[in-house]
């Protein structure tokens, strides 16, 4: 089951429920190929997939993971970056079908923010996690009371980053 699609370098990454693939040579129909990145790890929600620091970040059943490029051309590395908050991730994974998930990247702060709430929760009960990318990897914090069902970020005409959520 396909969960989401994202471009990564010159490939298209296909996030499935229990596996991840990359579609290569998209512009040449005679050499197009689907190659597995992993057949053991999947993605829980399309809205968790973001790009930060040149890597793709997503919510998997065993944590927040990254897909990163390596020095070998066409090769990628799959890493877990959320061991410090594994109890929170396990709680989200157990109830993933009851949550509305959304995420956003704040490039200026090098932050990945993931919010999760149910359709019936009050704002006070809504939760999220914030991962700040540092030179030592990700540092995590939990938020409460921010009900964010939709978020996006990007740059305006003047090159200033703008973040919108609702």
N, C-alpha and C. Protein backbone atom coordinates (compact mmCIF):
# COMPACT_ATOMS: atom_id res chain seq x y z
N UNK A 1 0.85 -1.18 0.00
CA UNK A 1 0.00 0.00 0.00
C UNK A 1 0.89 1.24 0.00
N UNK A 2 0.72 2.09 -1.00
CA UNK A 2 1.50 3.32 -1.11
C UNK A 2 0.94 4.35 -0.12
N UNK A 3 1.82 4.91 0.69
CA UNK A 3 1.45 5.93 1.67
C UNK A 3 1.75 7.33 1.15
N UNK A 4 2.91 7.49 0.47
CA UNK A 4 3.28 8.81 -0.01
C UNK A 4 4.41 8.76 -1.03
N UNK A 5 4.57 9.87 -1.75
CA UNK A 5 5.62 10.02 -2.76
C UNK A 5 6.37 11.31 -2.50
N UNK A 6 7.69 11.29 -2.64
CA UNK A 6 8.49 12.51 -2.52
C UNK A 6 9.68 12.41 -3.45
N UNK A 7 10.06 13.55 -4.03
CA UNK A 7 11.27 13.57 -4.84
C UNK A 7 12.47 13.67 -3.91
N UNK A 8 13.54 13.01 -4.31
CA UNK A 8 14.78 13.04 -3.55
C UNK A 8 15.92 12.94 -4.54
N UNK A 9 16.64 14.04 -4.67
CA UNK A 9 17.69 14.16 -5.68
C UNK A 9 17.06 13.92 -7.05
N UNK A 10 17.53 12.96 -7.82
CA UNK A 10 16.95 12.73 -9.16
C UNK A 10 15.97 11.56 -9.18
N UNK A 11 15.59 11.07 -7.99
CA UNK A 11 14.70 9.91 -7.89
C UNK A 11 13.36 10.31 -7.28
N UNK A 12 12.40 9.41 -7.39
CA UNK A 12 11.12 9.56 -6.72
C UNK A 12 11.05 8.46 -5.66
N UNK A 13 10.91 8.83 -4.40
CA UNK A 13 10.84 7.86 -3.32
C UNK A 13 9.38 7.49 -3.10
N UNK A 14 9.12 6.19 -3.05
CA UNK A 14 7.77 5.66 -2.87
C UNK A 14 7.69 5.07 -1.47
N UNK A 15 6.97 5.73 -0.59
CA UNK A 15 6.80 5.27 0.78
C UNK A 15 5.58 4.37 0.84
N UNK A 16 5.78 3.14 1.23
CA UNK A 16 4.68 2.18 1.38
C UNK A 16 4.47 1.89 2.86
N UNK A 17 3.43 1.14 3.16
CA UNK A 17 3.10 0.82 4.55
C UNK A 17 4.22 0.02 5.21
N UNK A 18 4.82 -0.93 4.49
CA UNK A 18 5.83 -1.81 5.08
C UNK A 18 7.16 -1.80 4.33
N UNK A 19 7.35 -0.89 3.38
CA UNK A 19 8.57 -0.87 2.58
C UNK A 19 8.74 0.50 1.93
N UNK A 20 9.93 0.72 1.37
CA UNK A 20 10.22 1.98 0.68
C UNK A 20 11.00 1.64 -0.58
N UNK A 21 10.64 2.28 -1.68
CA UNK A 21 11.28 2.05 -2.97
C UNK A 21 11.69 3.39 -3.57
N UNK A 22 12.56 3.34 -4.57
CA UNK A 22 12.85 4.54 -5.34
C UNK A 22 12.67 4.24 -6.81
N UNK A 23 12.06 5.20 -7.49
CA UNK A 23 11.84 5.13 -8.93
C UNK A 23 12.97 5.93 -9.57
N UNK A 24 13.79 5.25 -10.35
CA UNK A 24 14.97 5.88 -10.95
C UNK A 24 14.81 6.02 -12.46
N UNK A 25 15.58 6.92 -13.02
CA UNK A 25 15.59 7.17 -14.47
C UNK A 25 14.19 7.54 -14.97
N UNK A 26 13.53 8.41 -14.26
CA UNK A 26 12.14 8.77 -14.54
C UNK A 26 11.98 9.33 -15.95
N UNK A 27 12.98 10.05 -16.43
CA UNK A 27 12.86 10.71 -17.73
C UNK A 27 13.25 9.84 -18.91
N UNK A 28 13.58 8.59 -18.69
CA UNK A 28 13.98 7.69 -19.77
C UNK A 28 13.20 6.39 -19.65
N UNK A 29 12.15 6.25 -20.43
CA UNK A 29 11.26 5.10 -20.29
C UNK A 29 11.95 3.76 -20.58
N UNK A 30 13.05 3.76 -21.31
CA UNK A 30 13.72 2.50 -21.61
C UNK A 30 14.60 2.01 -20.45
N UNK A 31 14.96 2.91 -19.52
CA UNK A 31 15.80 2.50 -18.39
C UNK A 31 15.15 2.75 -17.04
N UNK A 32 13.87 3.09 -17.00
CA UNK A 32 13.19 3.34 -15.74
C UNK A 32 13.17 2.05 -14.91
N UNK A 33 13.39 2.20 -13.60
CA UNK A 33 13.46 1.03 -12.73
C UNK A 33 12.97 1.40 -11.33
N UNK A 34 12.32 0.46 -10.66
CA UNK A 34 11.91 0.61 -9.27
C UNK A 34 12.84 -0.26 -8.43
N UNK A 35 13.58 0.37 -7.52
CA UNK A 35 14.57 -0.32 -6.70
C UNK A 35 14.16 -0.23 -5.24
N UNK A 36 14.22 -1.33 -4.50
CA UNK A 36 13.89 -1.24 -3.07
C UNK A 36 14.97 -0.51 -2.28
N UNK A 37 14.55 0.37 -1.40
CA UNK A 37 15.45 0.97 -0.40
C UNK A 37 15.45 0.06 0.81
N UNK A 38 14.25 -0.36 1.23
CA UNK A 38 14.11 -1.33 2.31
C UNK A 38 12.77 -2.04 2.15
N UNK A 39 12.75 -3.29 2.54
CA UNK A 39 11.50 -4.06 2.54
C UNK A 39 11.05 -4.34 3.97
N UNK A 40 11.74 -3.72 4.95
CA UNK A 40 11.44 -3.99 6.36
C UNK A 40 10.92 -2.79 7.13
N UNK A 41 10.95 -1.60 6.54
CA UNK A 41 10.52 -0.39 7.21
C UNK A 41 9.55 0.34 6.31
N UNK A 42 8.47 0.84 6.89
CA UNK A 42 7.50 1.59 6.12
C UNK A 42 7.22 2.94 6.73
N UNK A 43 6.22 3.60 6.19
CA UNK A 43 5.84 4.94 6.63
C UNK A 43 4.41 4.89 7.18
N UNK A 44 4.17 5.55 8.30
CA UNK A 44 2.86 5.53 8.92
C UNK A 44 1.88 6.54 8.32
N UNK A 45 2.37 7.68 7.85
CA UNK A 45 1.46 8.70 7.37
C UNK A 45 2.15 9.62 6.37
N UNK A 46 1.48 9.88 5.26
CA UNK A 46 1.99 10.74 4.21
C UNK A 46 2.34 12.13 4.72
N UNK A 47 1.56 12.64 5.65
CA UNK A 47 1.75 14.01 6.13
C UNK A 47 2.94 14.15 7.07
N UNK A 48 3.63 13.04 7.37
CA UNK A 48 4.82 13.11 8.20
C UNK A 48 6.09 13.28 7.37
N UNK A 49 6.00 13.13 6.07
CA UNK A 49 7.19 13.15 5.19
C UNK A 49 7.58 14.60 4.88
N UNK A 50 8.82 14.94 5.21
CA UNK A 50 9.36 16.28 4.96
C UNK A 50 10.82 16.17 4.55
N UNK A 51 11.35 17.25 3.98
CA UNK A 51 12.78 17.32 3.69
C UNK A 51 13.40 18.34 4.62
N UNK A 52 14.48 17.95 5.29
CA UNK A 52 15.20 18.86 6.17
C UNK A 52 16.69 18.56 6.05
N UNK A 53 17.47 19.58 5.88
CA UNK A 53 18.91 19.43 5.79
C UNK A 53 19.37 18.51 4.66
N UNK A 54 18.60 18.44 3.58
CA UNK A 54 18.96 17.59 2.45
C UNK A 54 18.55 16.14 2.61
N UNK A 55 17.89 15.79 3.71
CA UNK A 55 17.41 14.42 3.96
C UNK A 55 15.89 14.40 3.99
N UNK A 56 15.31 13.25 3.68
CA UNK A 56 13.88 13.06 3.88
C UNK A 56 13.66 12.52 5.28
N UNK A 57 12.68 13.07 5.99
CA UNK A 57 12.33 12.65 7.34
C UNK A 57 10.90 12.15 7.30
N UNK A 58 10.61 11.05 8.02
CA UNK A 58 9.25 10.50 8.03
C UNK A 58 9.01 9.70 9.29
N UNK A 59 7.73 9.49 9.60
CA UNK A 59 7.32 8.72 10.76
C UNK A 59 7.15 7.26 10.36
N UNK A 60 7.93 6.39 10.98
CA UNK A 60 7.83 4.95 10.73
C UNK A 60 7.32 4.28 12.01
N UNK A 61 6.95 3.01 11.95
CA UNK A 61 6.45 2.34 13.14
C UNK A 61 7.47 2.29 14.29
N UNK A 62 8.76 2.38 13.98
CA UNK A 62 9.78 2.30 15.02
C UNK A 62 10.50 3.60 15.28
N UNK A 63 9.96 4.71 14.81
CA UNK A 63 10.57 5.99 15.10
C UNK A 63 10.52 6.96 13.94
N UNK A 64 11.07 8.13 14.17
CA UNK A 64 11.26 9.09 13.09
C UNK A 64 12.55 8.67 12.40
N UNK A 65 12.48 8.52 11.09
CA UNK A 65 13.63 8.04 10.32
C UNK A 65 14.00 9.05 9.25
N UNK A 66 15.24 8.93 8.78
CA UNK A 66 15.70 9.76 7.67
C UNK A 66 16.15 8.87 6.52
N UNK A 67 16.00 9.40 5.34
CA UNK A 67 16.62 8.83 4.15
C UNK A 67 17.63 9.88 3.71
N UNK A 68 18.90 9.49 3.72
CA UNK A 68 19.97 10.43 3.40
C UNK A 68 20.83 9.89 2.27
N UNK A 69 21.39 10.78 1.50
CA UNK A 69 22.32 10.38 0.46
C UNK A 69 23.66 10.00 1.07
N UNK A 70 24.42 9.20 0.36
CA UNK A 70 25.77 8.83 0.79
C UNK A 70 26.76 9.32 -0.24
N UNK A 71 28.03 9.06 0.00
CA UNK A 71 29.06 9.48 -0.95
C UNK A 71 29.03 8.65 -2.24
N UNK A 72 28.41 7.47 -2.18
CA UNK A 72 28.26 6.64 -3.38
C UNK A 72 27.09 7.15 -4.20
N UNK A 73 27.30 7.35 -5.46
CA UNK A 73 26.26 7.88 -6.34
C UNK A 73 25.07 6.92 -6.39
N UNK A 74 23.88 7.46 -6.16
CA UNK A 74 22.66 6.67 -6.22
C UNK A 74 22.35 5.87 -4.98
N UNK A 75 23.23 5.90 -3.96
CA UNK A 75 23.02 5.13 -2.74
C UNK A 75 22.36 6.01 -1.68
N UNK A 76 21.57 5.39 -0.80
CA UNK A 76 20.95 6.11 0.30
C UNK A 76 21.17 5.36 1.60
N UNK A 77 21.05 6.10 2.69
CA UNK A 77 21.20 5.53 4.03
C UNK A 77 19.89 5.76 4.78
N UNK A 78 19.43 4.75 5.47
CA UNK A 78 18.20 4.82 6.26
C UNK A 78 18.60 4.82 7.73
N UNK A 79 18.21 5.85 8.48
CA UNK A 79 18.61 5.97 9.88
C UNK A 79 17.41 6.28 10.76
N UNK A 80 17.50 5.86 12.01
CA UNK A 80 16.52 6.23 13.02
C UNK A 80 17.10 7.40 13.82
N UNK A 81 16.31 8.45 14.03
CA UNK A 81 16.83 9.65 14.70
C UNK A 81 16.05 10.01 15.96
N UNK A 82 15.19 9.10 16.44
CA UNK A 82 14.29 9.47 17.54
C UNK A 82 14.34 8.50 18.73
N UNK A 83 15.45 7.88 18.97
CA UNK A 83 15.53 6.92 20.08
C UNK A 83 15.18 7.56 21.43
N UNK A 84 15.52 8.85 21.60
CA UNK A 84 15.25 9.53 22.87
C UNK A 84 13.76 9.64 23.18
N UNK A 85 12.91 9.61 22.16
CA UNK A 85 11.47 9.78 22.38
C UNK A 85 10.69 8.55 21.93
N UNK A 86 11.33 7.39 22.00
CA UNK A 86 10.68 6.16 21.53
C UNK A 86 9.34 5.87 22.21
N UNK A 87 9.16 6.10 23.52
CA UNK A 87 7.83 5.87 24.10
C UNK A 87 6.73 6.73 23.45
N UNK A 88 7.05 7.97 23.08
CA UNK A 88 6.08 8.83 22.42
C UNK A 88 5.76 8.29 21.03
N UNK A 89 6.79 7.89 20.30
CA UNK A 89 6.60 7.33 18.95
C UNK A 89 5.78 6.06 19.01
N UNK A 90 6.07 5.20 19.98
CA UNK A 90 5.28 3.96 20.11
C UNK A 90 3.82 4.25 20.38
N UNK A 91 3.54 5.27 21.20
CA UNK A 91 2.16 5.66 21.48
C UNK A 91 1.46 6.17 20.22
N UNK A 92 2.16 6.96 19.42
CA UNK A 92 1.59 7.45 18.16
C UNK A 92 1.32 6.29 17.22
N UNK A 93 2.29 5.40 17.08
CA UNK A 93 2.17 4.26 16.15
C UNK A 93 1.00 3.36 16.52
N UNK A 94 0.79 3.14 17.81
CA UNK A 94 -0.31 2.28 18.27
C UNK A 94 -1.67 2.84 17.91
N UNK A 95 -1.80 4.16 17.86
CA UNK A 95 -3.08 4.81 17.62
C UNK A 95 -3.11 5.59 16.30
N UNK A 96 -2.23 5.25 15.36
CA UNK A 96 -2.07 6.05 14.14
C UNK A 96 -3.38 6.24 13.38
N UNK A 97 -4.26 5.26 13.40
CA UNK A 97 -5.52 5.36 12.66
C UNK A 97 -6.52 6.32 13.29
N UNK A 98 -6.27 6.74 14.53
CA UNK A 98 -7.17 7.68 15.19
C UNK A 98 -6.68 9.12 15.11
N UNK A 99 -5.45 9.31 14.63
CA UNK A 99 -4.85 10.64 14.61
C UNK A 99 -4.93 11.32 13.25
N UNK A 100 -5.03 12.64 13.31
CA UNK A 100 -4.78 13.49 12.16
C UNK A 100 -3.33 13.94 12.33
N UNK A 101 -2.49 13.56 11.37
CA UNK A 101 -1.06 13.84 11.44
C UNK A 101 -0.73 14.97 10.48
N UNK A 102 0.13 15.87 10.90
CA UNK A 102 0.69 16.84 9.98
C UNK A 102 2.07 17.22 10.47
N UNK A 103 2.88 17.71 9.55
CA UNK A 103 4.24 18.10 9.91
C UNK A 103 4.65 19.30 9.06
N UNK A 104 5.68 19.95 9.53
CA UNK A 104 6.21 21.11 8.83
C UNK A 104 7.69 21.24 9.19
N UNK A 105 8.46 21.83 8.30
CA UNK A 105 9.87 22.11 8.56
C UNK A 105 10.05 23.61 8.67
N UNK A 106 10.74 24.05 9.71
CA UNK A 106 11.14 25.44 9.86
C UNK A 106 12.62 25.49 9.52
N UNK A 107 12.91 25.86 8.30
CA UNK A 107 14.29 25.81 7.80
C UNK A 107 15.23 26.73 8.58
N UNK A 108 14.75 27.91 8.92
CA UNK A 108 15.58 28.87 9.64
C UNK A 108 16.04 28.32 11.00
N UNK A 109 15.20 27.51 11.62
CA UNK A 109 15.54 26.92 12.92
C UNK A 109 16.04 25.48 12.79
N UNK A 110 16.08 24.94 11.58
CA UNK A 110 16.45 23.53 11.35
C UNK A 110 15.59 22.61 12.22
N UNK A 111 14.26 22.83 12.16
CA UNK A 111 13.34 22.04 12.97
C UNK A 111 12.35 21.27 12.12
N UNK A 112 12.08 20.05 12.56
CA UNK A 112 11.02 19.20 12.03
C UNK A 112 9.96 19.15 13.12
N UNK A 113 8.75 19.56 12.78
CA UNK A 113 7.66 19.55 13.75
C UNK A 113 6.56 18.63 13.26
N UNK A 114 6.15 17.70 14.11
CA UNK A 114 5.09 16.76 13.79
C UNK A 114 3.99 16.92 14.83
N UNK A 115 2.77 17.12 14.35
CA UNK A 115 1.62 17.30 15.23
C UNK A 115 0.66 16.15 15.06
N UNK A 116 0.03 15.73 16.15
CA UNK A 116 -0.96 14.66 16.09
C UNK A 116 -2.10 14.95 17.04
N UNK A 117 -3.32 14.77 16.53
CA UNK A 117 -4.53 15.03 17.29
C UNK A 117 -5.64 14.16 16.74
N UNK A 118 -6.67 13.92 17.52
CA UNK A 118 -7.83 13.20 17.00
C UNK A 118 -8.84 14.23 16.50
N UNK A 119 -9.85 13.77 15.82
CA UNK A 119 -10.86 14.69 15.30
C UNK A 119 -11.78 15.20 16.40
N UNK A 120 -11.76 14.56 17.57
CA UNK A 120 -12.65 14.96 18.66
C UNK A 120 -11.93 15.64 19.82
N UNK A 121 -10.59 15.67 19.82
CA UNK A 121 -9.84 16.28 20.92
C UNK A 121 -9.98 17.79 20.92
N UNK A 122 -9.88 18.34 22.11
CA UNK A 122 -9.80 19.79 22.23
C UNK A 122 -8.37 20.22 21.93
N UNK A 123 -8.19 21.49 21.70
CA UNK A 123 -6.84 22.00 21.45
C UNK A 123 -5.89 21.70 22.61
N UNK A 124 -6.40 21.77 23.81
CA UNK A 124 -5.57 21.54 24.99
C UNK A 124 -5.00 20.12 25.03
N UNK A 125 -5.70 19.15 24.42
CA UNK A 125 -5.25 17.76 24.45
C UNK A 125 -4.34 17.40 23.28
N UNK A 126 -4.27 18.25 22.28
CA UNK A 126 -3.45 17.96 21.10
C UNK A 126 -1.97 17.97 21.47
N UNK A 127 -1.18 17.15 20.75
CA UNK A 127 0.24 17.03 21.05
C UNK A 127 1.08 17.11 19.78
N UNK A 128 2.37 17.19 20.00
CA UNK A 128 3.31 17.21 18.89
C UNK A 128 4.72 16.95 19.38
N UNK A 129 5.62 16.78 18.43
CA UNK A 129 7.03 16.64 18.75
C UNK A 129 7.81 17.61 17.86
N UNK A 130 8.88 18.14 18.41
CA UNK A 130 9.76 19.05 17.67
C UNK A 130 11.16 18.46 17.70
N UNK A 131 11.71 18.25 16.52
CA UNK A 131 13.08 17.77 16.40
C UNK A 131 13.95 18.88 15.84
N UNK A 132 14.94 19.28 16.61
CA UNK A 132 15.88 20.30 16.16
C UNK A 132 17.15 19.62 15.68
N UNK A 133 17.53 19.89 14.46
CA UNK A 133 18.72 19.29 13.87
C UNK A 133 19.95 20.06 14.34
N UNK A 134 20.84 19.37 15.07
CA UNK A 134 22.06 19.98 15.59
C UNK A 134 23.26 19.25 14.98
N UNK A 135 24.44 19.69 15.32
CA UNK A 135 25.64 19.01 14.83
C UNK A 135 25.78 17.61 15.40
N UNK A 136 25.06 17.31 16.49
CA UNK A 136 25.08 15.97 17.11
C UNK A 136 23.85 15.15 16.76
N UNK A 137 23.09 15.55 15.75
CA UNK A 137 21.87 14.85 15.38
C UNK A 137 20.65 15.62 15.84
N UNK A 138 19.54 14.92 16.03
CA UNK A 138 18.29 15.56 16.44
C UNK A 138 18.17 15.62 17.96
N UNK A 139 17.66 16.74 18.45
CA UNK A 139 17.25 16.88 19.85
C UNK A 139 15.75 17.07 19.83
N UNK A 140 15.05 16.41 20.77
CA UNK A 140 13.59 16.35 20.70
C UNK A 140 12.92 17.01 21.90
N UNK A 141 11.73 17.53 21.65
CA UNK A 141 10.86 18.08 22.69
C UNK A 141 9.43 17.71 22.34
N UNK A 142 8.58 17.65 23.34
CA UNK A 142 7.16 17.36 23.12
C UNK A 142 6.36 18.64 23.36
N UNK A 143 5.34 18.85 22.53
CA UNK A 143 4.45 19.99 22.71
C UNK A 143 3.08 19.50 23.14
N UNK A 144 2.36 20.35 23.82
CA UNK A 144 0.97 20.07 24.18
C UNK A 144 0.18 21.34 24.00
N UNK A 145 -1.06 21.19 23.54
CA UNK A 145 -1.93 22.34 23.42
C UNK A 145 -1.90 23.06 22.09
N UNK A 146 -1.19 22.51 21.11
CA UNK A 146 -1.18 23.11 19.77
C UNK A 146 -1.90 22.14 18.84
N UNK A 147 -3.13 22.46 18.48
CA UNK A 147 -3.88 21.61 17.58
C UNK A 147 -3.65 22.09 16.16
N UNK A 148 -2.85 21.35 15.44
CA UNK A 148 -2.45 21.74 14.09
C UNK A 148 -2.84 20.64 13.12
N UNK A 149 -3.87 20.88 12.36
CA UNK A 149 -4.35 19.87 11.40
C UNK A 149 -3.80 20.10 10.00
N UNK A 150 -3.20 21.25 9.78
CA UNK A 150 -2.59 21.55 8.48
C UNK A 150 -1.48 22.57 8.70
N UNK A 151 -0.33 22.32 8.08
CA UNK A 151 0.80 23.24 8.20
C UNK A 151 1.63 23.20 6.93
N UNK A 152 2.24 24.32 6.62
CA UNK A 152 3.14 24.38 5.48
C UNK A 152 4.13 25.51 5.72
N UNK A 153 5.26 25.42 5.05
CA UNK A 153 6.24 26.49 5.11
C UNK A 153 6.85 26.67 3.73
N UNK A 154 7.34 27.84 3.49
CA UNK A 154 7.97 28.14 2.21
C UNK A 154 8.50 29.56 2.24
N UNK A 155 9.05 29.98 1.12
CA UNK A 155 9.64 31.31 1.04
C UNK A 155 8.76 32.23 0.21
N UNK A 156 8.61 33.47 0.68
CA UNK A 156 7.82 34.44 -0.08
C UNK A 156 8.68 35.08 -1.17
N UNK A 157 8.15 36.05 -1.88
CA UNK A 157 8.84 36.70 -3.01
C UNK A 157 10.14 37.35 -2.58
N UNK A 158 10.26 37.73 -1.30
CA UNK A 158 11.46 38.41 -0.80
C UNK A 158 12.47 37.42 -0.21
N UNK A 159 12.16 36.13 -0.29
CA UNK A 159 13.07 35.12 0.24
C UNK A 159 12.96 34.92 1.74
N UNK A 160 11.87 35.41 2.33
CA UNK A 160 11.65 35.26 3.77
C UNK A 160 10.78 34.03 4.00
N UNK A 161 11.22 33.17 4.93
CA UNK A 161 10.46 31.96 5.21
C UNK A 161 9.17 32.31 5.95
N UNK A 162 8.06 31.73 5.49
CA UNK A 162 6.75 31.93 6.10
C UNK A 162 6.20 30.57 6.49
N UNK A 163 5.56 30.50 7.66
CA UNK A 163 4.97 29.26 8.15
C UNK A 163 3.49 29.53 8.41
N UNK A 164 2.66 28.63 7.91
CA UNK A 164 1.22 28.75 8.10
C UNK A 164 0.69 27.45 8.70
N UNK A 165 -0.21 27.58 9.66
CA UNK A 165 -0.86 26.39 10.21
C UNK A 165 -2.29 26.73 10.61
N UNK A 166 -3.10 25.70 10.69
CA UNK A 166 -4.49 25.88 11.07
C UNK A 166 -5.03 24.68 11.78
